[in-house]
Every structure is written in structure tokens, then in C-alpha cells.
Amino acid sequence: MRRRGSRREALPAATALEVFLREVRIRGLPPGVTPEQAAGKVFCVLDERLPGGLAVRLQDQLAVDLGAVRPACTVPRAASAHAFGREEFLRRLGALLGCDGQAAEQAARSVFAAARHVLSARRLLHAVDRELPHDLRDLWESDAVAPPEDGAEPSGG
């Protein structure tokens, strides 16, 4: 059995949440703000702004459960959101994070960039998985070509 295959199966140890938070961290955050705080608070404010639980659906698309890092939002989610613009979004986010508008903007940009990165990669993988014939998927999913154990050249076809 190839060792690579078992390693691939072990990869889910890095949860979607860990991957997402790493992406948030890579993109930079204001001093004193953790990726967990930034993501949790951004989604709290999104809950206030987006109607019908769209923020929760975005988390679902990201396959990220922020429940472990997201504090209870100060404003309960409503079926209809309050219409407010960018400046109010950043003001509310800054109040939750305890920072100014510029730092809140940096946190929001990092969270949104990480979300776009994770979504685009996942959409690509799902699209490829759907389109490839079943008998070619193992080629797509393999990490590398293992050379024959006897040292012989692979046969052409």
C-alpha cells in the first residue's frame, strides 16, 4: 500500500476552520486581534447586515463552523437585516473588536480575502470532481506518480 495514500487520508486533521483561520492570519490582522476574533466578529456583523441568514450560508459554503471561536453575537440574528453601509459595518466591527475603523477594515479585508480564497479553491475542486469521468478521478486525486518498484520504465499507451 502506498504511504502517500494514507497520508492523504490523514490530511483532514487540518480542519476547514484551521485552514480558513490560517488564511486569515496570512493576510494580516491588526495588532492584538486574533484570526478567531476577526472571523467571529466579521460574521457577527454580517449577521446583522445580510438578510435571511446569508452569513450562516456563507459559513456553510466555506465548510467552516465558527461556533467554536465565535462568541454569541450581541445582536440576535433577525430574518430581515438592517440596511447599513460600509462605514457603519466597519464602525460596528471596530466596536466589537475594540479597535478603530482602519484596523476594523484590515480585519474585514483579511477575513473576506480568506473566504474568497477558500471558496475559489473548493469550487474548482468540486467542479473538476463533477466533470471528470469516474475512472479518471483517481488520477486527479493522486499526489504523484509512483515509479514501478522494479525500476522499469512505465509502459507507454
C-alpha atoms as a PDB file:
ATOM      1  CA  MET A   1       0.000   0.000   0.000  1.00  0.00           C
ATOM      2  CA  ARG A   2       1.333   3.434  -0.889  1.00  0.00           C
ATOM      3  CA  ARG A   3       2.281   5.554   2.029  1.00  0.00           C
ATOM      4  CA  ARG A   4       1.108   8.660   0.189  1.00  0.00           C
ATOM      5  CA  GLY A   5      -2.469   7.363   0.177  1.00  0.00           C
ATOM      6  CA  SER A   6      -2.558   7.030   3.957  1.00  0.00           C
ATOM      7  CA  ARG A   7      -1.038  10.484   4.313  1.00  0.00           C
ATOM      8  CA  ARG A   8      -3.749  11.908   2.088  1.00  0.00           C
ATOM      9  CA  GLU A   9      -6.394  10.339   4.277  1.00  0.00           C
ATOM     10  CA  ALA A  10      -4.767  11.969   7.315  1.00  0.00           C
ATOM     11  CA  LEU A  11      -4.938  15.469   5.802  1.00  0.00           C
ATOM     12  CA  PRO A  12      -8.448  16.242   7.085  1.00  0.00           C
ATOM     13  CA  ALA A  13      -6.788  16.621  10.505  1.00  0.00           C
ATOM     14  CA  ALA A  14      -6.352  20.230   9.379  1.00  0.00           C
ATOM     15  CA  THR A  15      -9.990  21.150   9.611  1.00  0.00           C
ATOM     16  CA  ALA A  16     -11.686  23.590   7.297  1.00  0.00           C
ATOM     17  CA  LEU A  17     -11.761  26.008  10.218  1.00  0.00           C
ATOM     18  CA  GLU A  18      -7.992  25.705  10.745  1.00  0.00           C
ATOM     19  CA  VAL A  19      -7.344  26.251   7.042  1.00  0.00           C
ATOM     20  CA  PHE A  20      -9.657  29.262   6.971  1.00  0.00           C
ATOM     21  CA  LEU A  21      -8.108  30.802  10.108  1.00  0.00           C
ATOM     22  CA  ARG A  22      -4.609  30.240   8.705  1.00  0.00           C
ATOM     23  CA  GLU A  23      -5.655  32.086   5.550  1.00  0.00           C
ATOM     24  CA  VAL A  24      -6.997  34.953   7.683  1.00  0.00           C
ATOM     25  CA  ARG A  25      -3.703  35.089   9.619  1.00  0.00           C
ATOM     26  CA  ILE A  26      -1.608  35.056   6.421  1.00  0.00           C
ATOM     27  CA  ARG A  27      -3.453  38.084   5.084  1.00  0.00           C
ATOM     28  CA  GLY A  28      -2.607  40.153   8.140  1.00  0.00           C
ATOM     29  CA  LEU A  29      -4.529  41.450  11.107  1.00  0.00           C
ATOM     30  CA  PRO A  30      -4.385  44.492  13.341  1.00  0.00           C
ATOM     31  CA  PRO A  31      -2.168  44.171  16.427  1.00  0.00           C
ATOM     32  CA  GLY A  32      -3.906  42.316  19.237  1.00  0.00           C
ATOM     33  CA  VAL A  33      -6.629  40.794  17.013  1.00  0.00           C
ATOM     34  CA  THR A  34      -6.543  37.037  16.514  1.00  0.00           C
ATOM     35  CA  PRO A  35      -7.867  35.276  13.397  1.00  0.00           C
ATOM     36  CA  GLU A  36     -10.574  33.718  15.572  1.00  0.00           C
ATOM     37  CA  GLN A  37     -11.700  37.115  16.851  1.00  0.00           C
ATOM     38  CA  ALA A  38     -11.627  38.694  13.407  1.00  0.00           C
ATOM     39  CA  ALA A  39     -13.597  35.893  11.731  1.00  0.00           C
ATOM     40  CA  GLY A  40     -16.119  35.590  14.532  1.00  0.00           C
ATOM     41  CA  LYS A  41     -16.809  39.323  14.760  1.00  0.00           C
ATOM     42  CA  VAL A  42     -16.941  39.852  10.985  1.00  0.00           C
ATOM     43  CA  PHE A  43     -19.598  37.153  10.732  1.00  0.00           C
ATOM     44  CA  CYS A  44     -21.487  38.669  13.682  1.00  0.00           C
ATOM     45  CA  VAL A  45     -21.718  41.983  11.847  1.00  0.00           C
ATOM     46  CA  LEU A  46     -22.611  40.170   8.615  1.00  0.00           C
ATOM     47  CA  ASP A  47     -25.479  38.515  10.501  1.00  0.00           C
ATOM     48  CA  GLU A  48     -26.783  41.995  11.302  1.00  0.00           C
ATOM     49  CA  ARG A  49     -26.384  43.184   7.722  1.00  0.00           C
ATOM     50  CA  LEU A  50     -27.316  40.248   5.487  1.00  0.00           C
ATOM     51  CA  PRO A  51     -30.947  39.110   5.308  1.00  0.00           C
ATOM     52  CA  GLY A  52     -32.271  35.614   5.869  1.00  0.00           C
ATOM     53  CA  GLY A  53     -29.183  34.043   7.402  1.00  0.00           C
ATOM     54  CA  LEU A  54     -26.940  34.629   4.390  1.00  0.00           C
ATOM     55  CA  ALA A  55     -23.924  34.932   6.679  1.00  0.00           C
ATOM     56  CA  VAL A  56     -24.627  31.448   8.006  1.00  0.00           C
ATOM     57  CA  ARG A  57     -24.990  30.135   4.459  1.00  0.00           C
ATOM     58  CA  LEU A  58     -21.639  31.684   3.570  1.00  0.00           C
ATOM     59  CA  GLN A  59     -20.087  29.827   6.511  1.00  0.00           C
ATOM     60  CA  ASP A  60     -21.742  26.651   5.236  1.00  0.00           C
ATOM     61  CA  GLN A  61     -20.242  27.188   1.768  1.00  0.00           C
ATOM     62  CA  LEU A  62     -16.865  27.668   3.391  1.00  0.00           C
ATOM     63  CA  ALA A  63     -17.482  24.440   5.326  1.00  0.00           C
ATOM     64  CA  VAL A  64     -16.408  26.445   8.361  1.00  0.00           C
ATOM     65  CA  ASP A  65     -18.133  26.132  11.702  1.00  0.00           C
ATOM     66  CA  LEU A  66     -17.225  29.266  13.606  1.00  0.00           C
ATOM     67  CA  GLY A  67     -19.195  28.099  16.644  1.00  0.00           C
ATOM     68  CA  ALA A  68     -16.006  27.176  18.458  1.00  0.00           C
ATOM     69  CA  VAL A  69     -14.434  30.618  18.004  1.00  0.00           C
ATOM     70  CA  ARG A  70     -17.434  32.837  17.525  1.00  0.00           C
ATOM     71  CA  PRO A  71     -18.879  34.414  20.625  1.00  0.00           C
ATOM     72  CA  ALA A  72     -22.577  34.940  20.917  1.00  0.00           C
ATOM     73  CA  CYS A  73     -23.352  37.938  18.781  1.00  0.00           C
ATOM     74  CA  THR A  74     -24.513  40.964  20.697  1.00  0.00           C
ATOM     75  CA  VAL A  75     -27.455  41.499  18.363  1.00  0.00           C
ATOM     76  CA  PRO A  76     -29.664  38.465  17.739  1.00  0.00           C
ATOM     77  CA  ARG A  77     -29.974  37.493  14.093  1.00  0.00           C
ATOM     78  CA  ALA A  78     -33.237  38.582  12.520  1.00  0.00           C
ATOM     79  CA  ALA A  79     -34.999  37.308   9.431  1.00  0.00           C
ATOM     80  CA  SER A  80     -34.574  40.748   7.901  1.00  0.00           C
ATOM     81  CA  ALA A  81     -31.329  42.624   8.236  1.00  0.00           C
ATOM     82  CA  HIS A  82     -30.746  46.273   8.944  1.00  0.00           C
ATOM     83  CA  ALA A  83     -29.601  48.214   5.919  1.00  0.00           C
ATOM     84  CA  PHE A  84     -26.313  49.911   6.672  1.00  0.00           C
ATOM     85  CA  GLY A  85     -23.321  50.733   4.592  1.00  0.00           C
ATOM     86  CA  ARG A  86     -19.612  50.172   4.639  1.00  0.00           C
ATOM     87  CA  GLU A  87     -18.785  52.833   7.225  1.00  0.00           C
ATOM     88  CA  GLU A  88     -21.389  51.527   9.662  1.00  0.00           C
ATOM     89  CA  PHE A  89     -20.204  47.966   9.049  1.00  0.00           C
ATOM     90  CA  LEU A  90     -16.656  48.995   9.965  1.00  0.00           C
ATOM     91  CA  ARG A  91     -17.847  51.050  12.948  1.00  0.00           C
ATOM     92  CA  ARG A  92     -19.756  48.067  14.344  1.00  0.00           C
ATOM     93  CA  LEU A  93     -16.877  45.716  13.653  1.00  0.00           C
ATOM     94  CA  GLY A  94     -14.426  48.095  15.306  1.00  0.00           C
ATOM     95  CA  ALA A  95     -16.662  48.335  18.374  1.00  0.00           C
ATOM     96  CA  LEU A  96     -16.766  44.541  18.648  1.00  0.00           C
ATOM     97  CA  LEU A  97     -13.012  44.183  18.137  1.00  0.00           C
ATOM     98  CA  GLY A  98     -12.122  47.185  20.284  1.00  0.00           C
ATOM     99  CA  CYS A  99     -10.227  48.963  17.520  1.00  0.00           C
ATOM    100  CA  ASP A 100     -10.526  51.922  15.171  1.00  0.00           C
ATOM    101  CA  GLY A 101     -12.076  51.906  11.704  1.00  0.00           C
ATOM    102  CA  GLN A 102      -8.777  51.409   9.895  1.00  0.00           C
ATOM    103  CA  ALA A 103      -7.942  48.305  11.956  1.00  0.00           C
ATOM    104  CA  ALA A 104     -11.510  47.027  11.522  1.00  0.00           C
ATOM    105  CA  GLU A 105     -11.133  47.427   7.765  1.00  0.00           C
ATOM    106  CA  GLN A 106      -7.884  45.454   7.832  1.00  0.00           C
ATOM    107  CA  ALA A 107      -9.615  42.645   9.787  1.00  0.00           C
ATOM    108  CA  ALA A 108     -12.614  42.598   7.441  1.00  0.00           C
ATOM    109  CA  ARG A 109     -10.412  42.554   4.337  1.00  0.00           C
ATOM    110  CA  SER A 110      -8.387  39.638   5.735  1.00  0.00           C
ATOM    111  CA  VAL A 111     -11.493  37.604   6.575  1.00  0.00           C
ATOM    112  CA  PHE A 112     -13.126  38.292   3.208  1.00  0.00           C
ATOM    113  CA  ALA A 113      -9.917  37.537   1.262  1.00  0.00           C
ATOM    114  CA  ALA A 114      -9.532  34.252   3.135  1.00  0.00           C
ATOM    115  CA  ALA A 115     -13.175  33.391   2.389  1.00  0.00           C
ATOM    116  CA  ARG A 116     -12.669  34.095  -1.330  1.00  0.00           C
ATOM    117  CA  HIS A 117      -9.502  32.011  -1.383  1.00  0.00           C
ATOM    118  CA  VAL A 118     -11.132  29.023   0.319  1.00  0.00           C
ATOM    119  CA  LEU A 119     -14.292  29.259  -1.778  1.00  0.00           C
ATOM    120  CA  SER A 120     -12.478  29.523  -5.097  1.00  0.00           C
ATOM    121  CA  ALA A 121     -10.291  26.501  -4.368  1.00  0.00           C
ATOM    122  CA  ARG A 122     -13.234  24.415  -3.168  1.00  0.00           C
ATOM    123  CA  ARG A 123     -15.427  25.383  -6.128  1.00  0.00           C
ATOM    124  CA  LEU A 124     -12.656  24.423  -8.521  1.00  0.00           C
ATOM    125  CA  LEU A 125     -12.175  21.053  -6.856  1.00  0.00           C
ATOM    126  CA  HIS A 126     -15.900  20.317  -6.840  1.00  0.00           C
ATOM    127  CA  ALA A 127     -16.237  21.357 -10.476  1.00  0.00           C
ATOM    128  CA  VAL A 128     -13.368  19.121 -11.525  1.00  0.00           C
ATOM    129  CA  ASP A 129     -14.710  16.239  -9.431  1.00  0.00           C
ATOM    130  CA  ARG A 130     -18.132  16.568 -11.087  1.00  0.00           C
ATOM    131  CA  GLU A 131     -16.799  16.808 -14.624  1.00  0.00           C
ATOM    132  CA  LEU A 132     -14.172  14.076 -14.642  1.00  0.00           C
ATOM    133  CA  PRO A 133     -15.264  10.576 -15.606  1.00  0.00           C
ATOM    134  CA  HIS A 134     -15.214   8.261 -12.623  1.00  0.00           C
ATOM    135  CA  ASP A 135     -12.322   6.198 -13.972  1.00  0.00           C
ATOM    136  CA  LEU A 136     -10.098   9.308 -14.210  1.00  0.00           C
ATOM    137  CA  ARG A 137     -10.779  10.657 -10.731  1.00  0.00           C
ATOM    138  CA  ASP A 138      -8.066   8.555  -9.111  1.00  0.00           C
ATOM    139  CA  LEU A 139      -5.562  10.278 -11.408  1.00  0.00           C
ATOM    140  CA  TRP A 140      -6.867  13.675 -10.355  1.00  0.00           C
ATOM    141  CA  GLU A 141      -6.810  12.746  -6.676  1.00  0.00           C
ATOM    142  CA  SER A 142      -3.347  11.155  -6.604  1.00  0.00           C
ATOM    143  CA  ASP A 143      -0.426  13.165  -5.277  1.00  0.00           C
ATOM    144  CA  ALA A 144       2.233  11.926  -7.671  1.00  0.00           C
ATOM    145  CA  VAL A 145       3.138   9.090  -9.988  1.00  0.00           C
ATOM    146  CA  ALA A 146       4.811   6.254  -8.103  1.00  0.00           C
ATOM    147  CA  PRO A 147       7.658   4.711 -10.131  1.00  0.00           C
ATOM    148  CA  PRO A 148       7.487   0.953 -10.673  1.00  0.00           C
ATOM    149  CA  GLU A 149       9.189  -0.896  -7.820  1.00  0.00           C
ATOM    150  CA  ASP A 150      11.391  -2.940 -10.177  1.00  0.00           C
ATOM    151  CA  GLY A 151      12.930   0.210 -11.660  1.00  0.00           C
ATOM    152  CA  ALA A 152      11.481  -0.472 -15.114  1.00  0.00           C
ATOM    153  CA  GLU A 153      10.186   2.383 -17.216  1.00  0.00           C
ATOM    154  CA  PRO A 154       6.427   2.778 -17.251  1.00  0.00           C
ATOM    155  CA  SER A 155       4.901   1.348 -20.405  1.00  0.00           C
ATOM    156  CA  GLY A 156       3.567   3.865 -22.919  1.00  0.00           C
ATOM    157  CA  GLY A 157      -0.006   3.699 -24.070  1.00  0.00           C
END
